[in-house]
Each structure stands twice: as C-alpha cells, then as structure tokens.
Amino acid sequence: MSDTSVAARILRLADEPGYRRQIRTLANLQEGRHALARKIFRPENVRKCSPPSPEAIAGATSLLAPATADAHR
C-alpha cells in the first residue's frame, strides 16, 4: 500500500462515528486510569528507599546461611 492510500484509509476510518466513539471511549478510560494513579502515587505517599543497613544485611545472611548449607549437601 502506498502512503497516500494508507492516509486515505485512516481519514475514512476517522470520519466514521462508531470509530470516533470507540477512540473517545479508550481515551476516557486511559484518562481515568491516569487520574487514579495520580491520586494513589502522590509525592507525599511515596517513600524514598534507602539502602539496607549493614545490620539488616547481616541478619538476612544469617537466615539464608542454613538453607544454602543444606542445599549443597
């Protein structure tokens, strides 16, 4: 298909009321999802992650050491 025939086909589709309604419905759905995400993920609700402390790493390592030792037997 040439570029002009593709453009003509898109223009014909865009002129159909059913197609326009479908596109509008999808746009409204996406806007609603975006609004919900903005309400949930406000900057004051998002905590900044800090790296784990050395104590936390040591604790996690001590919990995993027996499990990995059993796996190597």
PDB file of N, CA and C in Angstrom:
ATOM      1  N   MET A   1       0.841  -1.185   0.000  1.00  0.00           N
ATOM      2  CA  MET A   1       0.000   0.000   0.000  1.00  0.00           C
ATOM      3  C   MET A   1       0.883   1.245   0.000  1.00  0.00           C
ATOM      4  N   SER A   2       0.473   2.208  -0.746  1.00  0.00           N
ATOM      5  CA  SER A   2       1.244   3.448  -0.783  1.00  0.00           C
ATOM      6  C   SER A   2       0.850   4.331   0.400  1.00  0.00           C
ATOM      7  N   ASP A   3       1.663   5.318   0.641  1.00  0.00           N
ATOM      8  CA  ASP A   3       1.403   6.222   1.763  1.00  0.00           C
ATOM      9  C   ASP A   3       0.086   6.971   1.603  1.00  0.00           C
ATOM     10  N   THR A   4      -0.249   7.335   0.376  1.00  0.00           N
ATOM     11  CA  THR A   4      -1.494   8.081   0.166  1.00  0.00           C
ATOM     12  C   THR A   4      -2.710   7.201   0.407  1.00  0.00           C
ATOM     13  N   SER A   5      -2.626   5.921   0.020  1.00  0.00           N
ATOM     14  CA  SER A   5      -3.777   5.051   0.250  1.00  0.00           C
ATOM     15  C   SER A   5      -3.945   4.758   1.746  1.00  0.00           C
ATOM     16  N   VAL A   6      -2.833   4.658   2.468  1.00  0.00           N
ATOM     17  CA  VAL A   6      -2.916   4.444   3.916  1.00  0.00           C
ATOM     18  C   VAL A   6      -3.533   5.674   4.577  1.00  0.00           C
ATOM     19  N   ALA A   7      -3.083   6.858   4.156  1.00  0.00           N
ATOM     20  CA  ALA A   7      -3.629   8.091   4.727  1.00  0.00           C
ATOM     21  C   ALA A   7      -5.115   8.217   4.418  1.00  0.00           C
ATOM     22  N   ALA A   8      -5.520   7.870   3.198  1.00  0.00           N
ATOM     23  CA  ALA A   8      -6.936   7.961   2.828  1.00  0.00           C
ATOM     24  C   ALA A   8      -7.767   6.987   3.661  1.00  0.00           C
ATOM     25  N   ARG A   9      -7.223   5.800   3.907  1.00  0.00           N
ATOM     26  CA  ARG A   9      -7.950   4.807   4.704  1.00  0.00           C
ATOM     27  C   ARG A   9      -8.110   5.297   6.149  1.00  0.00           C
ATOM     28  N   ILE A  10      -7.066   5.884   6.703  1.00  0.00           N
ATOM     29  CA  ILE A  10      -7.143   6.400   8.074  1.00  0.00           C
ATOM     30  C   ILE A  10      -8.153   7.533   8.158  1.00  0.00           C
ATOM     31  N   LEU A  11      -8.149   8.404   7.167  1.00  0.00           N
ATOM     32  CA  LEU A  11      -9.116   9.510   7.169  1.00  0.00           C
ATOM     33  C   LEU A  11     -10.544   8.994   7.064  1.00  0.00           C
ATOM     34  N   ARG A  12     -10.760   7.953   6.243  1.00  0.00           N
ATOM     35  CA  ARG A  12     -12.098   7.367   6.138  1.00  0.00           C
ATOM     36  C   ARG A  12     -12.535   6.771   7.478  1.00  0.00           C
ATOM     37  N   LEU A  13     -11.623   6.067   8.130  1.00  0.00           N
ATOM     38  CA  LEU A  13     -11.952   5.486   9.440  1.00  0.00           C
ATOM     39  C   LEU A  13     -12.269   6.572  10.459  1.00  0.00           C
ATOM     40  N   ALA A  14     -11.477   7.629  10.461  1.00  0.00           N
ATOM     41  CA  ALA A  14     -11.669   8.698  11.434  1.00  0.00           C
ATOM     42  C   ALA A  14     -12.985   9.433  11.215  1.00  0.00           C
ATOM     43  N   ASP A  15     -13.525   9.332  10.007  1.00  0.00           N
ATOM     44  CA  ASP A  15     -14.780  10.015   9.700  1.00  0.00           C
ATOM     45  C   ASP A  15     -15.997   9.206  10.138  1.00  0.00           C
ATOM     46  N   GLU A  16     -15.813   7.922  10.483  1.00  0.00           N
ATOM     47  CA  GLU A  16     -16.937   7.081  10.893  1.00  0.00           C
ATOM     48  C   GLU A  16     -17.286   7.361  12.360  1.00  0.00           C
ATOM     49  N   PRO A  17     -18.574   7.613  12.662  1.00  0.00           N
ATOM     50  CA  PRO A  17     -18.969   7.923  14.040  1.00  0.00           C
ATOM     51  C   PRO A  17     -18.668   6.791  15.031  1.00  0.00           C
ATOM     52  N   GLY A  18     -18.839   5.552  14.622  1.00  0.00           N
ATOM     53  CA  GLY A  18     -18.566   4.434  15.520  1.00  0.00           C
ATOM     54  C   GLY A  18     -17.107   4.356  15.914  1.00  0.00           C
ATOM     55  N   TYR A  19     -16.235   4.607  14.950  1.00  0.00           N
ATOM     56  CA  TYR A  19     -14.793   4.568  15.220  1.00  0.00           C
ATOM     57  C   TYR A  19     -14.400   5.713  16.147  1.00  0.00           C
ATOM     58  N   ARG A  20     -14.943   6.899  15.900  1.00  0.00           N
ATOM     59  CA  ARG A  20     -14.644   8.053  16.757  1.00  0.00           C
ATOM     60  C   ARG A  20     -15.121   7.791  18.180  1.00  0.00           C
ATOM     61  N   ARG A  21     -16.278   7.175  18.321  1.00  0.00           N
ATOM     62  CA  ARG A  21     -16.817   6.851  19.641  1.00  0.00           C
ATOM     63  C   ARG A  21     -15.898   5.869  20.369  1.00  0.00           C
ATOM     64  N   GLN A  22     -15.403   4.888  19.630  1.00  0.00           N
ATOM     65  CA  GLN A  22     -14.509   3.894  20.222  1.00  0.00           C
ATOM     66  C   GLN A  22     -13.204   4.547  20.691  1.00  0.00           C
ATOM     67  N   ILE A  23     -12.650   5.430  19.879  1.00  0.00           N
ATOM     68  CA  ILE A  23     -11.409   6.124  20.251  1.00  0.00           C
ATOM     69  C   ILE A  23     -11.648   7.007  21.468  1.00  0.00           C
ATOM     70  N   ARG A  24     -12.779   7.703  21.508  1.00  0.00           N
ATOM     71  CA  ARG A  24     -13.105   8.563  22.648  1.00  0.00           C
ATOM     72  C   ARG A  24     -13.259   7.744  23.924  1.00  0.00           C
ATOM     73  N   THR A  25     -13.877   6.574  23.816  1.00  0.00           N
ATOM     74  CA  THR A  25     -14.050   5.699  24.977  1.00  0.00           C
ATOM     75  C   THR A  25     -12.699   5.247  25.509  1.00  0.00           C
ATOM     76  N   LEU A  26     -11.792   4.859  24.624  1.00  0.00           N
ATOM     77  CA  LEU A  26     -10.455   4.445  25.051  1.00  0.00           C
ATOM     78  C   LEU A  26      -9.701   5.598  25.707  1.00  0.00           C
ATOM     79  N   ALA A  27      -9.835   6.796  25.150  1.00  0.00           N
ATOM     80  CA  ALA A  27      -9.155   7.961  25.724  1.00  0.00           C
ATOM     81  C   ALA A  27      -9.700   8.255  27.113  1.00  0.00           C
ATOM     82  N   ASN A  28     -11.009   8.170  27.299  1.00  0.00           N
ATOM     83  CA  ASN A  28     -11.601   8.424  28.611  1.00  0.00           C
ATOM     84  C   ASN A  28     -11.147   7.380  29.625  1.00  0.00           C
ATOM     85  N   LEU A  29     -11.049   6.131  29.204  1.00  0.00           N
ATOM     86  CA  LEU A  29     -10.595   5.069  30.089  1.00  0.00           C
ATOM     87  C   LEU A  29      -9.155   5.322  30.535  1.00  0.00           C
ATOM     88  N   GLN A  30      -8.298   5.703  29.598  1.00  0.00           N
ATOM     89  CA  GLN A  30      -6.904   5.977  29.927  1.00  0.00           C
ATOM     90  C   GLN A  30      -6.786   7.189  30.850  1.00  0.00           C
ATOM     91  N   GLU A  31      -7.595   8.216  30.619  1.00  0.00           N
ATOM     92  CA  GLU A  31      -7.565   9.389  31.491  1.00  0.00           C
ATOM     93  C   GLU A  31      -8.012   9.033  32.895  1.00  0.00           C
ATOM     94  N   GLY A  32      -9.002   8.152  33.017  1.00  0.00           N
ATOM     95  CA  GLY A  32      -9.453   7.715  34.332  1.00  0.00           C
ATOM     96  C   GLY A  32      -8.386   6.939  35.072  1.00  0.00           C
ATOM     97  N   ARG A  33      -7.683   6.065  34.367  1.00  0.00           N
ATOM     98  CA  ARG A  33      -6.592   5.316  34.987  1.00  0.00           C
ATOM     99  C   ARG A  33      -5.480   6.248  35.433  1.00  0.00           C
ATOM    100  N   HIS A  34      -5.184   7.238  34.613  1.00  0.00           N
ATOM    101  CA  HIS A  34      -4.124   8.190  34.947  1.00  0.00           C
ATOM    102  C   HIS A  34      -4.512   9.005  36.176  1.00  0.00           C
ATOM    103  N   ALA A  35      -5.759   9.421  36.263  1.00  0.00           N
ATOM    104  CA  ALA A  35      -6.224  10.178  37.423  1.00  0.00           C
ATOM    105  C   ALA A  35      -6.131   9.344  38.696  1.00  0.00           C
ATOM    106  N   LEU A  36      -6.491   8.062  38.608  1.00  0.00           N
ATOM    107  CA  LEU A  36      -6.386   7.179  39.753  1.00  0.00           C
ATOM    108  C   LEU A  36      -4.927   7.022  40.184  1.00  0.00           C
ATOM    109  N   ALA A  37      -4.038   6.853  39.225  1.00  0.00           N
ATOM    110  CA  ALA A  37      -2.612   6.722  39.550  1.00  0.00           C
ATOM    111  C   ALA A  37      -2.088   7.987  40.211  1.00  0.00           C
ATOM    112  N   ARG A  38      -2.545   9.149  39.763  1.00  0.00           N
ATOM    113  CA  ARG A  38      -2.111  10.410  40.389  1.00  0.00           C
ATOM    114  C   ARG A  38      -2.579  10.494  41.824  1.00  0.00           C
ATOM    115  N   LYS A  39      -3.800  10.004  42.114  1.00  0.00           N
ATOM    116  CA  LYS A  39      -4.311  10.041  43.483  1.00  0.00           C
ATOM    117  C   LYS A  39      -3.545   9.086  44.384  1.00  0.00           C
ATOM    118  N   ILE A  40      -3.206   7.910  43.866  1.00  0.00           N
ATOM    119  CA  ILE A  40      -2.525   6.901  44.683  1.00  0.00           C
ATOM    120  C   ILE A  40      -1.068   7.267  44.898  1.00  0.00           C
ATOM    121  N   PHE A  41      -0.381   7.679  43.855  1.00  0.00           N
ATOM    122  CA  PHE A  41       1.055   7.902  43.921  1.00  0.00           C
ATOM    123  C   PHE A  41       1.394   9.388  44.017  1.00  0.00           C
ATOM    124  N   ARG A  42       0.774  10.051  44.972  1.00  0.00           N
ATOM    125  CA  ARG A  42       1.146  11.439  45.221  1.00  0.00           C
ATOM    126  C   ARG A  42       2.536  11.461  45.825  1.00  0.00           C
ATOM    127  N   PRO A  43       3.290  12.532  45.625  1.00  0.00           N
ATOM    128  CA  PRO A  43       4.659  12.574  46.141  1.00  0.00           C
ATOM    129  C   PRO A  43       4.745  12.351  47.648  1.00  0.00           C
ATOM    130  N   GLU A  44       3.762  12.824  48.399  1.00  0.00           N
ATOM    131  CA  GLU A  44       3.833  12.635  49.852  1.00  0.00           C
ATOM    132  C   GLU A  44       3.547  11.191  50.261  1.00  0.00           C
ATOM    133  N   ASN A  45       2.966  10.384  49.364  1.00  0.00           N
ATOM    134  CA  ASN A  45       2.687   8.983  49.667  1.00  0.00           C
ATOM    135  C   ASN A  45       3.838   8.056  49.298  1.00  0.00           C
ATOM    136  N   VAL A  46       4.751   8.539  48.483  1.00  0.00           N
ATOM    137  CA  VAL A  46       5.842   7.699  48.012  1.00  0.00           C
ATOM    138  C   VAL A  46       7.040   7.891  48.936  1.00  0.00           C
ATOM    139  N   ARG A  47       7.476   6.783  49.559  1.00  0.00           N
ATOM    140  CA  ARG A  47       8.640   6.855  50.438  1.00  0.00           C
ATOM    141  C   ARG A  47       9.889   6.656  49.605  1.00  0.00           C
ATOM    142  N   LYS A  48      10.914   7.392  49.957  1.00  0.00           N
ATOM    143  CA  LYS A  48      12.184   7.202  49.282  1.00  0.00           C
ATOM    144  C   LYS A  48      12.860   5.989  49.884  1.00  0.00           C
ATOM    145  N   CYS A  49      13.373   5.134  49.047  1.00  0.00           N
ATOM    146  CA  CYS A  49      14.028   3.914  49.516  1.00  0.00           C
ATOM    147  C   CYS A  49      15.461   4.230  49.895  1.00  0.00           C
ATOM    148  N   SER A  50      15.852   3.748  51.034  1.00  0.00           N
ATOM    149  CA  SER A  50      17.239   3.896  51.450  1.00  0.00           C
ATOM    150  C   SER A  50      17.894   2.528  51.378  1.00  0.00           C
ATOM    151  N   PRO A  51      19.195   2.498  51.196  1.00  0.00           N
ATOM    152  CA  PRO A  51      19.859   1.197  51.135  1.00  0.00           C
ATOM    153  C   PRO A  51      19.769   0.485  52.480  1.00  0.00           C
ATOM    154  N   PRO A  52      19.753  -0.832  52.476  1.00  0.00           N
ATOM    155  CA  PRO A  52      19.644  -1.569  53.736  1.00  0.00           C
ATOM    156  C   PRO A  52      20.872  -1.345  54.613  1.00  0.00           C
ATOM    157  N   SER A  53      20.644  -1.351  55.888  1.00  0.00           N
ATOM    158  CA  SER A  53      21.744  -1.155  56.833  1.00  0.00           C
ATOM    159  C   SER A  53      22.609  -2.415  56.883  1.00  0.00           C
ATOM    160  N   PRO A  54      23.842  -2.277  57.337  1.00  0.00           N
ATOM    161  CA  PRO A  54      24.699  -3.467  57.451  1.00  0.00           C
ATOM    162  C   PRO A  54      24.110  -4.516  58.402  1.00  0.00           C
ATOM    163  N   GLU A  55      23.408  -4.044  59.435  1.00  0.00           N
ATOM    164  CA  GLU A  55      22.782  -4.991  60.367  1.00  0.00           C
ATOM    165  C   GLU A  55      21.694  -5.800  59.672  1.00  0.00           C
ATOM    166  N   ALA A  56      20.931  -5.156  58.843  1.00  0.00           N
ATOM    167  CA  ALA A  56      19.866  -5.855  58.116  1.00  0.00           C
ATOM    168  C   ALA A  56      20.457  -6.873  57.146  1.00  0.00           C
ATOM    169  N   ILE A  57      21.547  -6.507  56.490  1.00  0.00           N
ATOM    170  CA  ILE A  57      22.201  -7.435  55.558  1.00  0.00           C
ATOM    171  C   ILE A  57      22.747  -8.642  56.317  1.00  0.00           C
ATOM    172  N   ALA A  58      23.366  -8.382  57.472  1.00  0.00           N
ATOM    173  CA  ALA A  58      23.918  -9.481  58.268  1.00  0.00           C
ATOM    174  C   ALA A  58      22.808 -10.402  58.751  1.00  0.00           C
ATOM    175  N   GLY A  59      21.689  -9.825  59.170  1.00  0.00           N
ATOM    176  CA  GLY A  59      20.562 -10.638  59.624  1.00  0.00           C
ATOM    177  C   GLY A  59      19.998 -11.503  58.519  1.00  0.00           C
ATOM    178  N   ALA A  60      19.881 -10.938  57.330  1.00  0.00           N
ATOM    179  CA  ALA A  60      19.354 -11.703  56.202  1.00  0.00           C
ATOM    180  C   ALA A  60      20.325 -12.805  55.810  1.00  0.00           C
ATOM    181  N   THR A  61      21.599 -12.509  55.867  1.00  0.00           N
ATOM    182  CA  THR A  61      22.604 -13.511  55.518  1.00  0.00           C
ATOM    183  C   THR A  61      22.582 -14.671  56.504  1.00  0.00           C
ATOM    184  N   SER A  62      22.404 -14.351  57.791  1.00  0.00           N
ATOM    185  CA  SER A  62      22.387 -15.423  58.793  1.00  0.00           C
ATOM    186  C   SER A  62      21.147 -16.299  58.635  1.00  0.00           C
ATOM    187  N   LEU A  63      20.058 -15.722  58.130  1.00  0.00           N
ATOM    188  CA  LEU A  63      18.859 -16.524  57.894  1.00  0.00           C
ATOM    189  C   LEU A  63      19.027 -17.439  56.690  1.00  0.00           C
ATOM    190  N   LEU A  64      19.778 -16.986  55.701  1.00  0.00           N
ATOM    191  CA  LEU A  64      19.938 -17.765  54.480  1.00  0.00           C
ATOM    192  C   LEU A  64      21.056 -18.794  54.577  1.00  0.00           C
ATOM    193  N   ALA A  65      22.010 -18.595  55.474  1.00  0.00           N
ATOM    194  CA  ALA A  65      23.165 -19.500  55.557  1.00  0.00           C
ATOM    195  C   ALA A  65      22.752 -20.951  55.802  1.00  0.00           C
ATOM    196  N   PRO A  66      21.857 -21.260  56.750  1.00  0.00           N
ATOM    197  CA  PRO A  66      21.496 -22.671  56.941  1.00  0.00           C
ATOM    198  C   PRO A  66      20.799 -23.276  55.720  1.00  0.00           C
ATOM    199  N   ALA A  67      19.989 -22.501  55.046  1.00  0.00           N
ATOM    200  CA  ALA A  67      19.281 -23.012  53.873  1.00  0.00           C
ATOM    201  C   ALA A  67      20.237 -23.327  52.739  1.00  0.00           C
ATOM    202  N   THR A  68      21.238 -22.465  52.535  1.00  0.00           N
ATOM    203  CA  THR A  68      22.179 -22.728  51.458  1.00  0.00           C
ATOM    204  C   THR A  68      23.116 -23.860  51.816  1.00  0.00           C
ATOM    205  N   ALA A  69      23.437 -24.026  53.099  1.00  0.00           N
ATOM    206  CA  ALA A  69      24.296 -25.141  53.513  1.00  0.00           C
ATOM    207  C   ALA A  69      23.597 -26.484  53.266  1.00  0.00           C
ATOM    208  N   ASP A  70      22.302 -26.543  53.534  1.00  0.00           N
ATOM    209  CA  ASP A  70      21.538 -27.775  53.298  1.00  0.00           C
ATOM    210  C   ASP A  70      21.440 -28.089  51.811  1.00  0.00           C
ATOM    211  N   ALA A  71      21.393 -27.071  51.000  1.00  0.00           N
ATOM    212  CA  ALA A  71      21.233 -27.272  49.556  1.00  0.00           C
ATOM    213  C   ALA A  71      22.492 -27.843  48.934  1.00  0.00           C
ATOM    214  N   HIS A  72      23.648 -27.587  49.546  1.00  0.00           N
ATOM    215  CA  HIS A  72      24.914 -28.057  48.983  1.00  0.00           C
ATOM    216  C   HIS A  72      25.309 -29.454  49.462  1.00  0.00           C
ATOM    217  N   ARG A  73      24.529 -30.058  50.296  1.00  0.00           N
ATOM    218  CA  ARG A  73      24.875 -31.399  50.800  1.00  0.00           C
ATOM    219  C   ARG A  73      24.430 -32.464  49.852  1.00  0.00           C
TER     220      ARG A  73
END
